[in-house]
Amino acid sequence: MARSDLARRRCVPLARGTPPLTSAACAELAHELDPAWRVDGPRLTREWRTRDFADALELVQRFARIAEAEDHHPEITLGYGRVAVVLWTHTVGGLSENDFVLAAKLDEVAG
């Protein structure tokens, strides 16, 4: 599956008790993302640099629109010239395919 294919998928509701992805499945999906994404235990993380606070805020707003549309909400940290995102799926207690789908969509809107 190409990166563009992952970004074209949709996040789907997962029932509580659904198991998180295995390390091998996470590694396979991570290859579909920009290498700046890191699988950090049960989390998927990335940081973007921007020119200033206003650009960082605008990026956060783009991310928020995607997160709302997908009903999958990351932890977002906004700072001067920087935006950090942490993804995980609460209902599975770790990473799900939804996290990788949303990561691909965030990359797409970040440009």
PDB file of N, CA and C in Angstrom:
ATOM      1  N   MET A   1       0.849  -1.180   0.000  1.00  0.00           N
ATOM      2  CA  MET A   1       0.000   0.000   0.000  1.00  0.00           C
ATOM      3  C   MET A   1       0.892   1.239   0.000  1.00  0.00           C
ATOM      4  N   ALA A   2       0.691   2.131  -0.923  1.00  0.00           N
ATOM      5  CA  ALA A   2       1.472   3.363  -1.012  1.00  0.00           C
ATOM      6  C   ALA A   2       0.993   4.350   0.041  1.00  0.00           C
ATOM      7  N   ARG A   3       1.840   5.326   0.340  1.00  0.00           N
ATOM      8  CA  ARG A   3       1.456   6.342   1.321  1.00  0.00           C
ATOM      9  C   ARG A   3       0.124   6.980   0.979  1.00  0.00           C
ATOM     10  N   SER A   4      -0.090   7.279  -0.295  1.00  0.00           N
ATOM     11  CA  SER A   4      -1.335   7.933  -0.694  1.00  0.00           C
ATOM     12  C   SER A   4      -2.534   7.031  -0.415  1.00  0.00           C
ATOM     13  N   ASP A   5      -2.359   5.696  -0.515  1.00  0.00           N
ATOM     14  CA  ASP A   5      -3.455   4.779  -0.221  1.00  0.00           C
ATOM     15  C   ASP A   5      -3.824   4.832   1.262  1.00  0.00           C
ATOM     16  N   LEU A   6      -2.846   4.869   2.114  1.00  0.00           N
ATOM     17  CA  LEU A   6      -3.112   4.938   3.555  1.00  0.00           C
ATOM     18  C   LEU A   6      -3.860   6.224   3.885  1.00  0.00           C
ATOM     19  N   ALA A   7      -3.480   7.320   3.260  1.00  0.00           N
ATOM     20  CA  ALA A   7      -4.146   8.604   3.507  1.00  0.00           C
ATOM     21  C   ALA A   7      -5.574   8.621   2.975  1.00  0.00           C
ATOM     22  N   ARG A   8      -5.906   7.745   2.055  1.00  0.00           N
ATOM     23  CA  ARG A   8      -7.256   7.701   1.480  1.00  0.00           C
ATOM     24  C   ARG A   8      -8.218   6.850   2.308  1.00  0.00           C
ATOM     25  N   ARG A   9      -7.692   6.106   3.259  1.00  0.00           N
ATOM     26  CA  ARG A   9      -8.551   5.272   4.103  1.00  0.00           C
ATOM     27  C   ARG A   9      -9.252   6.134   5.142  1.00  0.00           C
ATOM     28  N   ARG A  10     -10.189   5.571   5.847  1.00  0.00           N
ATOM     29  CA  ARG A  10     -10.925   6.277   6.891  1.00  0.00           C
ATOM     30  C   ARG A  10     -10.668   5.613   8.240  1.00  0.00           C
ATOM     31  N   CYS A  11     -10.697   6.392   9.289  1.00  0.00           N
ATOM     32  CA  CYS A  11     -10.646   5.840  10.634  1.00  0.00           C
ATOM     33  C   CYS A  11     -11.999   5.192  10.919  1.00  0.00           C
ATOM     34  N   VAL A  12     -11.971   4.054  11.592  1.00  0.00           N
ATOM     35  CA  VAL A  12     -13.199   3.319  11.888  1.00  0.00           C
ATOM     36  C   VAL A  12     -13.332   3.138  13.397  1.00  0.00           C
ATOM     37  N   PRO A  13     -14.567   3.134  13.907  1.00  0.00           N
ATOM     38  CA  PRO A  13     -14.760   2.903  15.341  1.00  0.00           C
ATOM     39  C   PRO A  13     -14.260   1.509  15.726  1.00  0.00           C
ATOM     40  N   LEU A  14     -13.606   1.434  16.863  1.00  0.00           N
ATOM     41  CA  LEU A  14     -13.108   0.161  17.377  1.00  0.00           C
ATOM     42  C   LEU A  14     -13.724  -0.095  18.741  1.00  0.00           C
ATOM     43  N   ALA A  15     -14.159  -1.307  18.949  1.00  0.00           N
ATOM     44  CA  ALA A  15     -14.781  -1.671  20.226  1.00  0.00           C
ATOM     45  C   ALA A  15     -13.728  -1.754  21.324  1.00  0.00           C
ATOM     46  N   ARG A  16     -14.125  -1.352  22.523  1.00  0.00           N
ATOM     47  CA  ARG A  16     -13.246  -1.512  23.680  1.00  0.00           C
ATOM     48  C   ARG A  16     -12.897  -2.997  23.778  1.00  0.00           C
ATOM     49  N   GLY A  17     -11.645  -3.280  24.022  1.00  0.00           N
ATOM     50  CA  GLY A  17     -11.204  -4.669  24.089  1.00  0.00           C
ATOM     51  C   GLY A  17     -10.542  -5.151  22.805  1.00  0.00           C
ATOM     52  N   THR A  18     -10.656  -4.356  21.737  1.00  0.00           N
ATOM     53  CA  THR A  18      -9.931  -4.686  20.514  1.00  0.00           C
ATOM     54  C   THR A  18      -8.443  -4.607  20.843  1.00  0.00           C
ATOM     55  N   PRO A  19      -7.676  -5.614  20.479  1.00  0.00           N
ATOM     56  CA  PRO A  19      -6.246  -5.572  20.828  1.00  0.00           C
ATOM     57  C   PRO A  19      -5.492  -4.533  20.007  1.00  0.00           C
ATOM     58  N   PRO A  20      -4.455  -3.940  20.593  1.00  0.00           N
ATOM     59  CA  PRO A  20      -3.609  -3.018  19.818  1.00  0.00           C
ATOM     60  C   PRO A  20      -2.818  -3.798  18.772  1.00  0.00           C
ATOM     61  N   LEU A  21      -2.275  -3.057  17.820  1.00  0.00           N
ATOM     62  CA  LEU A  21      -1.428  -3.671  16.795  1.00  0.00           C
ATOM     63  C   LEU A  21      -0.173  -4.260  17.422  1.00  0.00           C
ATOM     64  N   THR A  22       0.331  -5.303  16.811  1.00  0.00           N
ATOM     65  CA  THR A  22       1.601  -5.886  17.248  1.00  0.00           C
ATOM     66  C   THR A  22       2.742  -4.963  16.823  1.00  0.00           C
ATOM     67  N   SER A  23       3.892  -5.174  17.392  1.00  0.00           N
ATOM     68  CA  SER A  23       5.074  -4.396  17.001  1.00  0.00           C
ATOM     69  C   SER A  23       5.382  -4.582  15.526  1.00  0.00           C
ATOM     70  N   ALA A  24       5.224  -5.798  15.024  1.00  0.00           N
ATOM     71  CA  ALA A  24       5.496  -6.072  13.612  1.00  0.00           C
ATOM     72  C   ALA A  24       4.516  -5.329  12.715  1.00  0.00           C
ATOM     73  N   ALA A  25       3.247  -5.298  13.085  1.00  0.00           N
ATOM     74  CA  ALA A  25       2.241  -4.582  12.292  1.00  0.00           C
ATOM     75  C   ALA A  25       2.513  -3.081  12.324  1.00  0.00           C
ATOM     76  N   CYS A  26       2.910  -2.569  13.482  1.00  0.00           N
ATOM     77  CA  CYS A  26       3.255  -1.142  13.586  1.00  0.00           C
ATOM     78  C   CYS A  26       4.440  -0.810  12.693  1.00  0.00           C
ATOM     79  N   ALA A  27       5.455  -1.660  12.704  1.00  0.00           N
ATOM     80  CA  ALA A  27       6.649  -1.425  11.877  1.00  0.00           C
ATOM     81  C   ALA A  27       6.287  -1.427  10.398  1.00  0.00           C
ATOM     82  N   GLU A  28       5.410  -2.342   9.998  1.00  0.00           N
ATOM     83  CA  GLU A  28       4.999  -2.412   8.594  1.00  0.00           C
ATOM     84  C   GLU A  28       4.240  -1.146   8.186  1.00  0.00           C
ATOM     85  N   LEU A  29       3.313  -0.698   9.013  1.00  0.00           N
ATOM     86  CA  LEU A  29       2.546   0.508   8.697  1.00  0.00           C
ATOM     87  C   LEU A  29       3.424   1.756   8.766  1.00  0.00           C
ATOM     88  N   ALA A  30       4.385   1.768   9.673  1.00  0.00           N
ATOM     89  CA  ALA A  30       5.272   2.933   9.804  1.00  0.00           C
ATOM     90  C   ALA A  30       6.066   3.160   8.525  1.00  0.00           C
ATOM     91  N   HIS A  31       6.357   2.116   7.786  1.00  0.00           N
ATOM     92  CA  HIS A  31       7.073   2.254   6.511  1.00  0.00           C
ATOM     93  C   HIS A  31       6.239   3.001   5.471  1.00  0.00           C
ATOM     94  N   GLU A  32       4.954   3.095   5.716  1.00  0.00           N
ATOM     95  CA  GLU A  32       4.054   3.792   4.791  1.00  0.00           C
ATOM     96  C   GLU A  32       4.003   5.293   5.074  1.00  0.00           C
ATOM     97  N   LEU A  33       4.596   5.705   6.204  1.00  0.00           N
ATOM     98  CA  LEU A  33       4.543   7.105   6.628  1.00  0.00           C
ATOM     99  C   LEU A  33       5.864   7.815   6.347  1.00  0.00           C
ATOM    100  N   ASP A  34       5.820   9.130   6.450  1.00  0.00           N
ATOM    101  CA  ASP A  34       7.044   9.918   6.405  1.00  0.00           C
ATOM    102  C   ASP A  34       7.971   9.395   7.505  1.00  0.00           C
ATOM    103  N   PRO A  35       9.255   9.268   7.230  1.00  0.00           N
ATOM    104  CA  PRO A  35      10.184   8.740   8.234  1.00  0.00           C
ATOM    105  C   PRO A  35      10.299   9.591   9.501  1.00  0.00           C
ATOM    106  N   ALA A  36       9.761  10.799   9.483  1.00  0.00           N
ATOM    107  CA  ALA A  36       9.794  11.636  10.684  1.00  0.00           C
ATOM    108  C   ALA A  36       8.881  11.086  11.786  1.00  0.00           C
ATOM    109  N   TRP A  37       7.908  10.245  11.421  1.00  0.00           N
ATOM    110  CA  TRP A  37       7.052   9.606  12.429  1.00  0.00           C
ATOM    111  C   TRP A  37       7.850   8.557  13.169  1.00  0.00           C
ATOM    112  N   ARG A  38       7.642   8.462  14.474  1.00  0.00           N
ATOM    113  CA  ARG A  38       8.326   7.479  15.317  1.00  0.00           C
ATOM    114  C   ARG A  38       7.301   6.667  16.094  1.00  0.00           C
ATOM    115  N   VAL A  39       7.474   5.351  16.072  1.00  0.00           N
ATOM    116  CA  VAL A  39       6.695   4.499  16.968  1.00  0.00           C
ATOM    117  C   VAL A  39       7.459   4.491  18.274  1.00  0.00           C
ATOM    118  N   ASP A  40       6.829   5.034  19.303  1.00  0.00           N
ATOM    119  CA  ASP A  40       7.453   5.167  20.615  1.00  0.00           C
ATOM    120  C   ASP A  40       6.612   4.370  21.613  1.00  0.00           C
ATOM    121  N   GLY A  41       6.898   3.072  21.701  1.00  0.00           N
ATOM    122  CA  GLY A  41       6.089   2.196  22.541  1.00  0.00           C
ATOM    123  C   GLY A  41       4.668   2.147  22.003  1.00  0.00           C
ATOM    124  N   PRO A  42       3.688   2.486  22.853  1.00  0.00           N
ATOM    125  CA  PRO A  42       2.299   2.444  22.395  1.00  0.00           C
ATOM    126  C   PRO A  42       1.828   3.754  21.765  1.00  0.00           C
ATOM    127  N   ARG A  43       2.751   4.583  21.315  1.00  0.00           N
ATOM    128  CA  ARG A  43       2.400   5.886  20.736  1.00  0.00           C
ATOM    129  C   ARG A  43       3.103   6.088  19.398  1.00  0.00           C
ATOM    130  N   LEU A  44       2.494   6.934  18.568  1.00  0.00           N
ATOM    131  CA  LEU A  44       3.073   7.354  17.292  1.00  0.00           C
ATOM    132  C   LEU A  44       3.282   8.858  17.398  1.00  0.00           C
ATOM    133  N   THR A  45       4.508   9.330  17.179  1.00  0.00           N
ATOM    134  CA  THR A  45       4.820  10.738  17.421  1.00  0.00           C
ATOM    135  C   THR A  45       5.508  11.385  16.228  1.00  0.00           C
ATOM    136  N   ARG A  46       5.290  12.679  16.113  1.00  0.00           N
ATOM    137  CA  ARG A  46       5.972  13.469  15.083  1.00  0.00           C
ATOM    138  C   ARG A  46       5.947  14.938  15.492  1.00  0.00           C
ATOM    139  N   GLU A  47       6.953  15.685  15.026  1.00  0.00           N
ATOM    140  CA  GLU A  47       7.010  17.131  15.248  1.00  0.00           C
ATOM    141  C   GLU A  47       7.257  17.826  13.912  1.00  0.00           C
ATOM    142  N   TRP A  48       6.608  18.953  13.735  1.00  0.00           N
ATOM    143  CA  TRP A  48       6.807  19.810  12.557  1.00  0.00           C
ATOM    144  C   TRP A  48       7.365  21.138  13.027  1.00  0.00           C
ATOM    145  N   ARG A  49       8.235  21.725  12.242  1.00  0.00           N
ATOM    146  CA  ARG A  49       8.768  23.067  12.489  1.00  0.00           C
ATOM    147  C   ARG A  49       8.094  24.046  11.542  1.00  0.00           C
ATOM    148  N   THR A  50       7.780  25.221  12.040  1.00  0.00           N
ATOM    149  CA  THR A  50       7.169  26.269  11.228  1.00  0.00           C
ATOM    150  C   THR A  50       7.957  27.551  11.424  1.00  0.00           C
ATOM    151  N   ARG A  51       7.641  28.557  10.603  1.00  0.00           N
ATOM    152  CA  ARG A  51       8.377  29.830  10.683  1.00  0.00           C
ATOM    153  C   ARG A  51       8.132  30.573  11.992  1.00  0.00           C
ATOM    154  N   ASP A  52       6.891  30.508  12.493  1.00  0.00           N
ATOM    155  CA  ASP A  52       6.549  31.293  13.679  1.00  0.00           C
ATOM    156  C   ASP A  52       5.298  30.720  14.344  1.00  0.00           C
ATOM    157  N   PHE A  53       4.818  31.397  15.351  1.00  0.00           N
ATOM    158  CA  PHE A  53       3.657  30.926  16.100  1.00  0.00           C
ATOM    159  C   PHE A  53       2.400  30.909  15.234  1.00  0.00           C
ATOM    160  N   ALA A  54       2.205  31.939  14.428  1.00  0.00           N
ATOM    161  CA  ALA A  54       1.005  32.015  13.589  1.00  0.00           C
ATOM    162  C   ALA A  54       0.941  30.843  12.611  1.00  0.00           C
ATOM    163  N   ASP A  55       2.063  30.483  12.006  1.00  0.00           N
ATOM    164  CA  ASP A  55       2.083  29.337  11.094  1.00  0.00           C
ATOM    165  C   ASP A  55       1.828  28.031  11.846  1.00  0.00           C
ATOM    166  N   ALA A  56       2.374  27.921  13.035  1.00  0.00           N
ATOM    167  CA  ALA A  56       2.140  26.726  13.843  1.00  0.00           C
ATOM    168  C   ALA A  56       0.659  26.611  14.207  1.00  0.00           C
ATOM    169  N   LEU A  57       0.058  27.722  14.585  1.00  0.00           N
ATOM    170  CA  LEU A  57      -1.366  27.719  14.930  1.00  0.00           C
ATOM    171  C   LEU A  57      -2.217  27.335  13.724  1.00  0.00           C
ATOM    172  N   GLU A  58      -1.873  27.838  12.554  1.00  0.00           N
ATOM    173  CA  GLU A  58      -2.625  27.507  11.345  1.00  0.00           C
ATOM    174  C   GLU A  58      -2.511  26.008  11.045  1.00  0.00           C
ATOM    175  N   LEU A  59      -1.342  25.422  11.268  1.00  0.00           N
ATOM    176  CA  LEU A  59      -1.153  23.996  11.066  1.00  0.00           C
ATOM    177  C   LEU A  59      -2.015  23.193  12.046  1.00  0.00           C
ATOM    178  N   VAL A  60      -2.056  23.622  13.291  1.00  0.00           N
ATOM    179  CA  VAL A  60      -2.898  22.961  14.292  1.00  0.00           C
ATOM    180  C   VAL A  60      -4.364  23.008  13.854  1.00  0.00           C
ATOM    181  N   GLN A  61      -4.801  24.123  13.334  1.00  0.00           N
ATOM    182  CA  GLN A  61      -6.193  24.234  12.879  1.00  0.00           C
ATOM    183  C   GLN A  61      -6.479  23.274  11.728  1.00  0.00           C
ATOM    184  N   ARG A  62      -5.539  23.111  10.805  1.00  0.00           N
ATOM    185  CA  ARG A  62      -5.716  22.133   9.718  1.00  0.00           C
ATOM    186  C   ARG A  62      -5.791  20.722  10.287  1.00  0.00           C
ATOM    187  N   PHE A  63      -4.918  20.425  11.246  1.00  0.00           N
ATOM    188  CA  PHE A  63      -4.933  19.099  11.873  1.00  0.00           C
ATOM    189  C   PHE A  63      -6.255  18.859  12.593  1.00  0.00           C
ATOM    190  N   ALA A  64      -6.760  19.874  13.274  1.00  0.00           N
ATOM    191  CA  ALA A  64      -8.015  19.726  14.021  1.00  0.00           C
ATOM    192  C   ALA A  64      -9.176  19.409  13.089  1.00  0.00           C
ATOM    193  N   ARG A  65      -9.216  20.039  11.923  1.00  0.00           N
ATOM    194  CA  ARG A  65     -10.298  19.751  10.969  1.00  0.00           C
ATOM    195  C   ARG A  65     -10.253  18.291  10.505  1.00  0.00           C
ATOM    196  N   ILE A  66      -9.053  17.786  10.239  1.00  0.00           N
ATOM    197  CA  ILE A  66      -8.911  16.384   9.828  1.00  0.00           C
ATOM    198  C   ILE A  66      -9.316  15.455  10.973  1.00  0.00           C
ATOM    199  N   ALA A  67      -8.851  15.749  12.174  1.00  0.00           N
ATOM    200  CA  ALA A  67      -9.169  14.909  13.336  1.00  0.00           C
ATOM    201  C   ALA A  67     -10.678  14.850  13.571  1.00  0.00           C
ATOM    202  N   GLU A  68     -11.345  15.980  13.457  1.00  0.00           N
ATOM    203  CA  GLU A  68     -12.800  16.005  13.625  1.00  0.00           C
ATOM    204  C   GLU A  68     -13.489  15.195  12.546  1.00  0.00           C
ATOM    205  N   ALA A  69     -13.058  15.342  11.305  1.00  0.00           N
ATOM    206  CA  ALA A  69     -13.670  14.611  10.200  1.00  0.00           C
ATOM    207  C   ALA A  69     -13.498  13.101  10.366  1.00  0.00           C
ATOM    208  N   GLU A  70     -12.378  12.691  10.954  1.00  0.00           N
ATOM    209  CA  GLU A  70     -12.099  11.264  11.150  1.00  0.00           C
ATOM    210  C   GLU A  70     -12.582  10.758  12.508  1.00  0.00           C
ATOM    211  N   ASP A  71     -13.031  11.648  13.388  1.00  0.00           N
ATOM    212  CA  ASP A  71     -13.441  11.293  14.750  1.00  0.00           C
ATOM    213  C   ASP A  71     -12.332  10.506  15.455  1.00  0.00           C
ATOM    214  N   HIS A  72     -11.104  10.978  15.252  1.00  0.00           N
ATOM    215  CA  HIS A  72      -9.930  10.373  15.890  1.00  0.00           C
ATOM    216  C   HIS A  72      -9.029  11.544  16.288  1.00  0.00           C
ATOM    217  N   HIS A  73      -8.866  11.761  17.567  1.00  0.00           N
ATOM    218  CA  HIS A  73      -8.310  13.018  18.066  1.00  0.00           C
ATOM    219  C   HIS A  73      -6.942  12.827  18.711  1.00  0.00           C
ATOM    220  N   PRO A  74      -5.913  13.409  18.114  1.00  0.00           N
ATOM    221  CA  PRO A  74      -4.556  13.287  18.651  1.00  0.00           C
ATOM    222  C   PRO A  74      -4.312  14.268  19.798  1.00  0.00           C
ATOM    223  N   GLU A  75      -3.225  14.039  20.474  1.00  0.00           N
ATOM    224  CA  GLU A  75      -2.713  15.022  21.421  1.00  0.00           C
ATOM    225  C   GLU A  75      -1.825  15.950  20.600  1.00  0.00           C
ATOM    226  N   ILE A  76      -2.106  17.241  20.653  1.00  0.00           N
ATOM    227  CA  ILE A  76      -1.356  18.214  19.868  1.00  0.00           C
ATOM    228  C   ILE A  76      -0.739  19.240  20.811  1.00  0.00           C
ATOM    229  N   THR A  77       0.562  19.492  20.642  1.00  0.00           N
ATOM    230  CA  THR A  77       1.250  20.512  21.411  1.00  0.00           C
ATOM    231  C   THR A  77       1.672  21.619  20.460  1.00  0.00           C
ATOM    232  N   LEU A  78       1.311  22.839  20.812  1.00  0.00           N
ATOM    233  CA  LEU A  78       1.605  24.020  20.004  1.00  0.00           C
ATOM    234  C   LEU A  78       2.632  24.871  20.722  1.00  0.00           C
ATOM    235  N   GLY A  79       3.665  25.266  20.008  1.00  0.00           N
ATOM    236  CA  GLY A  79       4.668  26.167  20.548  1.00  0.00           C
ATOM    237  C   GLY A  79       5.113  27.127  19.466  1.00  0.00           C
ATOM    238  N   TYR A  80       5.969  28.046  19.820  1.00  0.00           N
ATOM    239  CA  TYR A  80       6.473  28.987  18.828  1.00  0.00           C
ATOM    240  C   TYR A  80       7.274  28.220  17.791  1.00  0.00           C
ATOM    241  N   GLY A  81       6.779  28.185  16.560  1.00  0.00           N
ATOM    242  CA  GLY A  81       7.496  27.535  15.474  1.00  0.00           C
ATOM    243  C   GLY A  81       7.513  26.028  15.529  1.00  0.00           C
ATOM    244  N   ARG A  82       6.600  25.429  16.297  1.00  0.00           N
ATOM    245  CA  ARG A  82       6.612  23.972  16.392  1.00  0.00           C
ATOM    246  C   ARG A  82       5.248  23.423  16.741  1.00  0.00           C
ATOM    247  N   VAL A  83       4.935  22.273  16.148  1.00  0.00           N
ATOM    248  CA  VAL A  83       3.715  21.527  16.448  1.00  0.00           C
ATOM    249  C   VAL A  83       4.130  20.074  16.638  1.00  0.00           C
ATOM    250  N   ALA A  84       3.732  19.490  17.749  1.00  0.00           N
ATOM    251  CA  ALA A  84       4.012  18.080  18.013  1.00  0.00           C
ATOM    252  C   ALA A  84       2.684  17.332  18.113  1.00  0.00           C
ATOM    253  N   VAL A  85       2.661  16.127  17.564  1.00  0.00           N
ATOM    254  CA  VAL A  85       1.462  15.294  17.584  1.00  0.00           C
ATOM    255  C   VAL A  85       1.815  13.942  18.175  1.00  0.00           C
ATOM    256  N   VAL A  86       0.935  13.460  19.050  1.00  0.00           N
ATOM    257  CA  VAL A  86       1.044  12.116  19.609  1.00  0.00           C
ATOM    258  C   VAL A  86      -0.277  11.411  19.316  1.00  0.00           C
ATOM    259  N   LEU A  87      -0.175  10.242  18.722  1.00  0.00           N
ATOM    260  CA  LEU A  87      -1.355   9.446  18.369  1.00  0.00           C
ATOM    261  C   LEU A  87      -1.357   8.122  19.113  1.00  0.00           C
ATOM    262  N   TRP A  88      -2.522   7.709  19.549  1.00  0.00           N
ATOM    263  CA  TRP A  88      -2.779   6.368  20.053  1.00  0.00           C
ATOM    264  C   TRP A  88      -4.286   6.210  20.126  1.00  0.00           C
ATOM    265  N   THR A  89      -4.745   4.988  20.225  1.00  0.00           N
ATOM    266  CA  THR A  89      -6.178   4.713  20.268  1.00  0.00           C
ATOM    267  C   THR A  89      -6.546   4.315  21.688  1.00  0.00           C
ATOM    268  N   HIS A  90      -7.307   5.173  22.342  1.00  0.00           N
ATOM    269  CA  HIS A  90      -7.670   4.950  23.739  1.00  0.00           C
ATOM    270  C   HIS A  90      -8.374   3.611  23.944  1.00  0.00           C
ATOM    271  N   THR A  91      -9.320   3.273  23.068  1.00  0.00           N
ATOM    272  CA  THR A  91     -10.122   2.063  23.280  1.00  0.00           C
ATOM    273  C   THR A  91      -9.310   0.783  23.188  1.00  0.00           C
ATOM    274  N   VAL A  92      -8.172   0.799  22.493  1.00  0.00           N
ATOM    275  CA  VAL A  92      -7.345  -0.407  22.416  1.00  0.00           C
ATOM    276  C   VAL A  92      -6.138  -0.328  23.344  1.00  0.00           C
ATOM    277  N   GLY A  93      -5.907   0.827  23.947  1.00  0.00           N
ATOM    278  CA  GLY A  93      -4.788   0.974  24.871  1.00  0.00           C
ATOM    279  C   GLY A  93      -3.437   0.946  24.181  1.00  0.00           C
ATOM    280  N   GLY A  94      -3.395   1.407  22.950  1.00  0.00           N
ATOM    281  CA  GLY A  94      -2.146   1.427  22.188  1.00  0.00           C
ATOM    282  C   GLY A  94      -2.417   1.890  20.780  1.00  0.00           C
ATOM    283  N   LEU A  95      -1.655   1.363  19.845  1.00  0.00           N
ATOM    284  CA  LEU A  95      -1.792   1.794  18.453  1.00  0.00           C
ATOM    285  C   LEU A  95      -2.748   0.897  17.676  1.00  0.00           C
ATOM    286  N   SER A  96      -3.534   1.550  16.826  1.00  0.00           N
ATOM    287  CA  SER A  96      -4.417   0.850  15.892  1.00  0.00           C
ATOM    288  C   SER A  96      -4.127   1.377  14.492  1.00  0.00           C
ATOM    289  N   GLU A  97      -4.714   0.757  13.506  1.00  0.00           N
ATOM    290  CA  GLU A  97      -4.542   1.225  12.135  1.00  0.00           C
ATOM    291  C   GLU A  97      -5.032   2.670  11.997  1.00  0.00           C
ATOM    292  N   ASN A  98      -6.034   3.056  12.783  1.00  0.00           N
ATOM    293  CA  ASN A  98      -6.545   4.432  12.744  1.00  0.00           C
ATOM    294  C   ASN A  98      -5.442   5.455  12.967  1.00  0.00           C
ATOM    295  N   ASP A  99      -4.504   5.146  13.836  1.00  0.00           N
ATOM    296  CA  ASP A  99      -3.418   6.089  14.130  1.00  0.00           C
ATOM    297  C   ASP A  99      -2.543   6.321  12.905  1.00  0.00           C
ATOM    298  N   PHE A 100      -2.297   5.279  12.161  1.00  0.00           N
ATOM    299  CA  PHE A 100      -1.469   5.387  10.960  1.00  0.00           C
ATOM    300  C   PHE A 100      -2.229   6.076   9.829  1.00  0.00           C
ATOM    301  N   VAL A 101      -3.521   5.820   9.751  1.00  0.00           N
ATOM    302  CA  VAL A 101      -4.357   6.500   8.757  1.00  0.00           C
ATOM    303  C   VAL A 101      -4.355   8.000   9.042  1.00  0.00           C
ATOM    304  N   LEU A 102      -4.585   8.371  10.305  1.00  0.00           N
ATOM    305  CA  LEU A 102      -4.604   9.789  10.644  1.00  0.00           C
ATOM    306  C   LEU A 102      -3.231  10.424  10.440  1.00  0.00           C
ATOM    307  N   ALA A 103      -2.174   9.713  10.773  1.00  0.00           N
ATOM    308  CA  ALA A 103      -0.817  10.249  10.557  1.00  0.00           C
ATOM    309  C   ALA A 103      -0.594  10.562   9.077  1.00  0.00           C
ATOM    310  N   ALA A 104      -1.017   9.659   8.201  1.00  0.00           N
ATOM    311  CA  ALA A 104      -0.857   9.886   6.763  1.00  0.00           C
ATOM    312  C   ALA A 104      -1.665  11.095   6.308  1.00  0.00           C
ATOM    313  N   LYS A 105      -2.850  11.249   6.853  1.00  0.00           N
ATOM    314  CA  LYS A 105      -3.693  12.402   6.499  1.00  0.00           C
ATOM    315  C   LYS A 105      -3.073  13.710   7.003  1.00  0.00           C
ATOM    316  N   LEU A 106      -2.487  13.693   8.204  1.00  0.00           N
ATOM    317  CA  LEU A 106      -1.831  14.887   8.739  1.00  0.00           C
ATOM    318  C   LEU A 106      -0.641  15.271   7.860  1.00  0.00           C
ATOM    319  N   ASP A 107       0.134  14.279   7.451  1.00  0.00           N
ATOM    320  CA  ASP A 107       1.259  14.562   6.547  1.00  0.00           C
ATOM    321  C   ASP A 107       0.772  15.223   5.269  1.00  0.00           C
ATOM    322  N   GLU A 108      -0.339  14.730   4.755  1.00  0.00           N
ATOM    323  CA  GLU A 108      -0.861  15.258   3.507  1.00  0.00           C
ATOM    324  C   GLU A 108      -1.260  16.736   3.641  1.00  0.00           C
ATOM    325  N   VAL A 109      -1.929  17.088   4.748  1.00  0.00           N
ATOM    326  CA  VAL A 109      -2.355  18.480   4.905  1.00  0.00           C
ATOM    327  C   VAL A 109      -1.204  19.379   5.356  1.00  0.00           C
ATOM    328  N   ALA A 110      -0.157  18.792   5.940  1.00  0.00           N
ATOM    329  CA  ALA A 110       0.995  19.602   6.358  1.00  0.00           C
ATOM    330  C   ALA A 110       1.825  20.018   5.144  1.00  0.00           C
ATOM    331  N   GLY A 111       1.727  19.222   4.090  1.00  0.00           N
ATOM    332  CA  GLY A 111       2.445  19.567   2.848  1.00  0.00           C
ATOM    333  C   GLY A 111       3.884  19.231   2.849  1.00  0.00           C
TER     334      GLY A 111
END
